[in-house]
Protein backbone atom coordinates (compact mmCIF):
# COMPACT_ATOMS: atom_id res chain seq x y z
CA UNK A 1 24.26 7.56 -1.65
CA UNK A 2 22.28 6.96 -4.84
CA UNK A 3 19.65 4.38 -3.87
CA UNK A 4 16.93 6.45 -5.57
CA UNK A 5 18.92 7.57 -8.63
CA UNK A 6 16.60 8.03 -11.58
CA UNK A 7 13.44 7.87 -9.43
CA UNK A 8 10.88 10.66 -9.66
CA UNK A 9 9.08 11.20 -6.38
CA UNK A 10 6.10 13.52 -6.01
CA UNK A 11 6.05 14.66 -2.37
CA UNK A 12 2.74 15.94 -1.02
CA UNK A 13 3.08 18.18 2.02
CA UNK A 14 -0.13 18.78 3.96
CA UNK A 15 -1.03 21.07 6.86
CA UNK A 16 0.37 19.51 9.96
CA UNK A 17 3.06 20.71 12.35
CA UNK A 18 5.27 17.91 11.02
CA UNK A 19 5.47 19.78 7.70
CA UNK A 20 8.78 21.21 8.92
CA UNK A 21 10.21 17.67 8.73
CA UNK A 22 9.28 17.53 5.03
CA UNK A 23 12.05 20.03 4.25
CA UNK A 24 14.65 17.62 5.66
CA UNK A 25 12.96 14.77 3.79
CA UNK A 26 13.34 16.65 0.48
CA UNK A 27 17.04 17.14 1.24
CA UNK A 28 17.52 13.45 2.05
CA UNK A 29 15.59 12.29 -1.03
CA UNK A 30 17.72 14.53 -3.24
CA UNK A 31 20.89 13.27 -1.60
CA UNK A 32 19.72 9.70 -2.38
CA UNK A 33 19.40 10.66 -6.06
CA UNK A 34 15.64 11.21 -6.33
CA UNK A 35 14.12 13.88 -8.55
CA UNK A 36 11.66 15.45 -6.06
CA UNK A 37 8.60 17.44 -7.10
CA UNK A 38 6.75 19.01 -4.17
CA UNK A 39 3.01 19.55 -4.12
CA UNK A 40 2.24 21.89 -1.23
CA UNK A 41 -1.32 22.17 0.06
CA UNK A 42 -2.75 25.43 1.37
CA UNK A 43 -2.47 24.07 4.90
CA UNK A 44 1.10 22.89 4.34
CA UNK A 45 2.07 26.36 3.15
CA UNK A 46 1.03 27.74 6.54
CA UNK A 47 3.95 25.83 8.08
CA UNK A 48 6.70 25.83 5.40
CA UNK A 49 6.96 27.99 2.30
CA UNK A 50 7.21 26.95 -1.32
CA UNK A 51 10.52 28.84 -1.53
CA UNK A 52 12.08 26.41 0.94
CA UNK A 53 10.98 23.36 -1.02
CA UNK A 54 12.05 24.87 -4.35
CA UNK A 55 15.51 25.66 -2.98
CA UNK A 56 15.93 22.14 -1.57
CA UNK A 57 14.49 20.22 -4.54
CA UNK A 58 15.72 22.38 -7.40
CA UNK A 59 12.26 22.05 -8.96
CA UNK A 60 9.22 24.32 -9.11
CA UNK A 61 6.75 23.77 -6.27
CA UNK A 62 3.14 23.10 -7.17
CA UNK A 63 0.28 24.51 -5.10
CA UNK A 64 -2.66 25.12 -7.41
CA UNK A 65 -4.82 22.76 -9.43
CA UNK A 66 -5.14 25.50 -12.06
CA UNK A 67 -1.44 26.41 -12.25
CA UNK A 68 -0.83 27.95 -15.70
CA UNK A 69 2.86 26.88 -15.72
CA UNK A 70 1.77 23.49 -17.01
CA UNK A 71 1.19 24.03 -20.73
CA UNK A 72 -1.96 21.90 -20.93
CA UNK A 73 -3.14 23.06 -17.48
CA UNK A 74 -3.21 19.44 -16.30
CA UNK A 75 -0.66 19.34 -13.48
CA UNK A 76 -2.84 16.74 -11.74
CA UNK A 77 -2.06 14.32 -14.57
CA UNK A 78 1.33 15.46 -15.85
CA UNK A 79 3.05 15.45 -12.43
CA UNK A 80 2.35 11.75 -11.94
CA UNK A 81 2.61 10.57 -15.54
CA UNK A 82 6.25 9.52 -15.16
CA UNK A 83 6.44 9.43 -11.36
CA UNK A 84 7.75 6.36 -9.59
CA UNK A 85 5.79 7.16 -6.42
CA UNK A 86 3.68 9.72 -4.62
CA UNK A 87 4.64 10.18 -1.00
CA UNK A 88 2.50 12.29 1.33
CA UNK A 89 4.45 13.40 4.41
CA UNK A 90 2.90 14.60 6.60
CA UNK A 91 -0.45 13.03 5.79
CA UNK A 92 -3.16 14.62 7.90
CA UNK A 93 -6.36 12.86 8.96
CA UNK A 94 -8.18 15.18 6.54
CA UNK A 95 -6.17 14.26 3.46
CA UNK A 96 -6.37 10.55 4.26
CA UNK A 97 -10.17 10.79 4.61
CA UNK A 98 -10.32 12.55 1.23
CA UNK A 99 -8.20 9.81 -0.36
CA UNK A 100 -10.47 7.10 1.04
CA UNK A 101 -13.57 8.74 -0.41
CA UNK A 102 -12.06 9.82 -3.72
CA UNK A 103 -12.50 13.51 -2.99
CA UNK A 104 -10.45 15.70 -5.28
CA UNK A 105 -10.73 19.32 -4.18
CA UNK A 106 -7.12 20.46 -4.56
CA UNK A 107 -4.04 19.58 -6.62
CA UNK A 108 -2.74 16.91 -4.23
CA UNK A 109 -5.97 14.95 -3.84
CA UNK A 110 -6.74 15.26 -7.54
CA UNK A 111 -3.35 13.92 -8.63
CA UNK A 112 -3.67 11.06 -6.13
CA UNK A 113 -6.98 10.12 -7.71
CA UNK A 114 -5.48 10.34 -11.23
CA UNK A 115 -2.23 8.52 -10.37
CA UNK A 116 -0.73 5.50 -12.06
CA UNK A 117 2.04 4.90 -9.52
CA UNK A 118 2.32 3.71 -5.91
CA UNK A 119 1.04 5.94 -3.10
CA UNK A 120 2.74 6.05 0.30
CA UNK A 121 1.48 8.11 3.24
CA UNK A 122 3.19 9.07 6.51
CA UNK A 123 0.41 9.98 8.97
CA UNK A 124 0.90 12.86 11.40
CA UNK A 125 -1.71 13.96 13.92
CA UNK A 126 -2.69 14.24 17.56
CA UNK A 127 -3.03 10.93 19.44
CA UNK A 128 -6.80 11.36 19.81
CA UNK A 129 -7.22 12.04 16.10
CA UNK A 130 -5.11 8.95 15.32
CA UNK A 131 -7.12 6.67 17.64
CA UNK A 132 -10.49 7.98 16.45
CA UNK A 133 -12.51 5.12 14.93
CA UNK A 134 -13.05 7.11 11.72
CA UNK A 135 -9.30 7.54 11.24
CA UNK A 136 -8.67 3.86 11.96
CA UNK A 137 -11.35 2.88 9.40
CA UNK A 138 -9.71 5.20 6.87
CA UNK A 139 -6.25 3.71 7.50
CA UNK A 140 -7.66 0.19 7.06
CA UNK A 141 -9.35 1.23 3.83
CA UNK A 142 -6.18 2.86 2.49
CA UNK A 143 -4.18 -0.28 3.23
CA UNK A 144 -6.90 -2.37 1.59
CA UNK A 145 -6.65 -0.15 -1.47
CA UNK A 146 -2.92 -0.86 -1.72
CA UNK A 147 -1.65 2.36 -0.16
CA UNK A 148 1.51 1.93 1.91
CA UNK A 149 1.17 3.50 5.36
CA UNK A 150 4.48 4.52 6.96
CA UNK A 151 4.11 4.81 10.73
CA UNK A 152 3.04 6.59 12.77
CA UNK A 153 5.48 6.81 15.65
CA UNK A 154 4.76 7.18 19.35
CA UNK A 155 6.09 10.07 21.37
CA UNK A 156 5.65 13.65 22.48
CA UNK A 157 3.41 15.69 20.22
CA UNK A 158 3.25 19.40 19.44
CA UNK A 159 0.13 19.69 21.61
CA UNK A 160 2.16 18.48 24.59
CA UNK A 161 0.49 15.07 24.77
CA UNK A 162 2.26 11.74 24.38
CA UNK A 163 1.01 8.90 22.21
CA UNK A 164 0.64 7.47 18.71
CA UNK A 165 0.32 9.82 15.77
CA UNK A 166 3.74 11.44 15.31
CA UNK A 167 5.11 11.33 11.80
CA UNK A 168 8.08 8.99 11.59
CA UNK A 169 11.40 10.75 11.12
CA UNK A 170 12.61 11.75 7.62
CA UNK A 171 15.45 9.21 7.77
CA UNK A 172 12.93 6.43 8.45
CA UNK A 173 10.71 7.59 5.60
CA UNK A 174 13.72 7.54 3.28
CA UNK A 175 14.58 3.98 4.38
CA UNK A 176 10.97 2.88 3.83
CA UNK A 177 10.88 4.43 0.35
CA UNK A 178 14.16 2.78 -0.64
CA UNK A 179 12.83 -0.56 0.66
CA UNK A 180 9.62 -0.03 -1.31
CA UNK A 181 11.59 -0.04 -4.56
CA UNK A 182 13.71 -3.09 -3.69
CA UNK A 183 12.84 -6.39 -5.41
CA UNK A 184 10.61 -8.59 -3.26
CA UNK A 185 12.44 -11.86 -3.81
CA UNK A 186 10.18 -13.90 -1.53
CA UNK A 187 6.87 -12.33 -2.53
CA UNK A 188 4.27 -15.03 -3.08
CA UNK A 189 6.46 -17.75 -1.56
CA UNK A 190 5.38 -19.89 1.36
CA UNK A 191 8.10 -20.62 3.88
CA UNK A 192 7.94 -23.37 6.45
């Protein structure tokens, strides 16, 4: 499997229960040939550690906007400079609201604002949070801004409820990312 060979993917992991699925996603992306660089938010680190992502990706994990490991102290620019895509999985309601409004208060939101590559988000939240009118407005705005929204799925949630808002499975995210990079042979064509 090498569908993503030569592709650099910056994976943002935010603070939702679905963060545990991001570890499997990193493994699958690597198996598909991607060079994965994980940006872990403070909330994401409450669910899965940086050590896990570093072991699975083979790359340093980034957590701090002011990380001195980047020589020019500009990780928010350098991480995306040669990236083929930024993928946020899980994408919480909070991070999506920040993206909509251009808020940049941590490394992940700052690099999304400074990006020059496609942005894909895989929402993950409680069914009530997903159906909230504010979240639905934010999703519509993200799509209008050219952000690709992957999911969500319907099913049982960590809170015990059932409904929309589950993050789609890592295998589905991988398939969506591979499809994202495929040539769009019929784009712009009208078919009767």
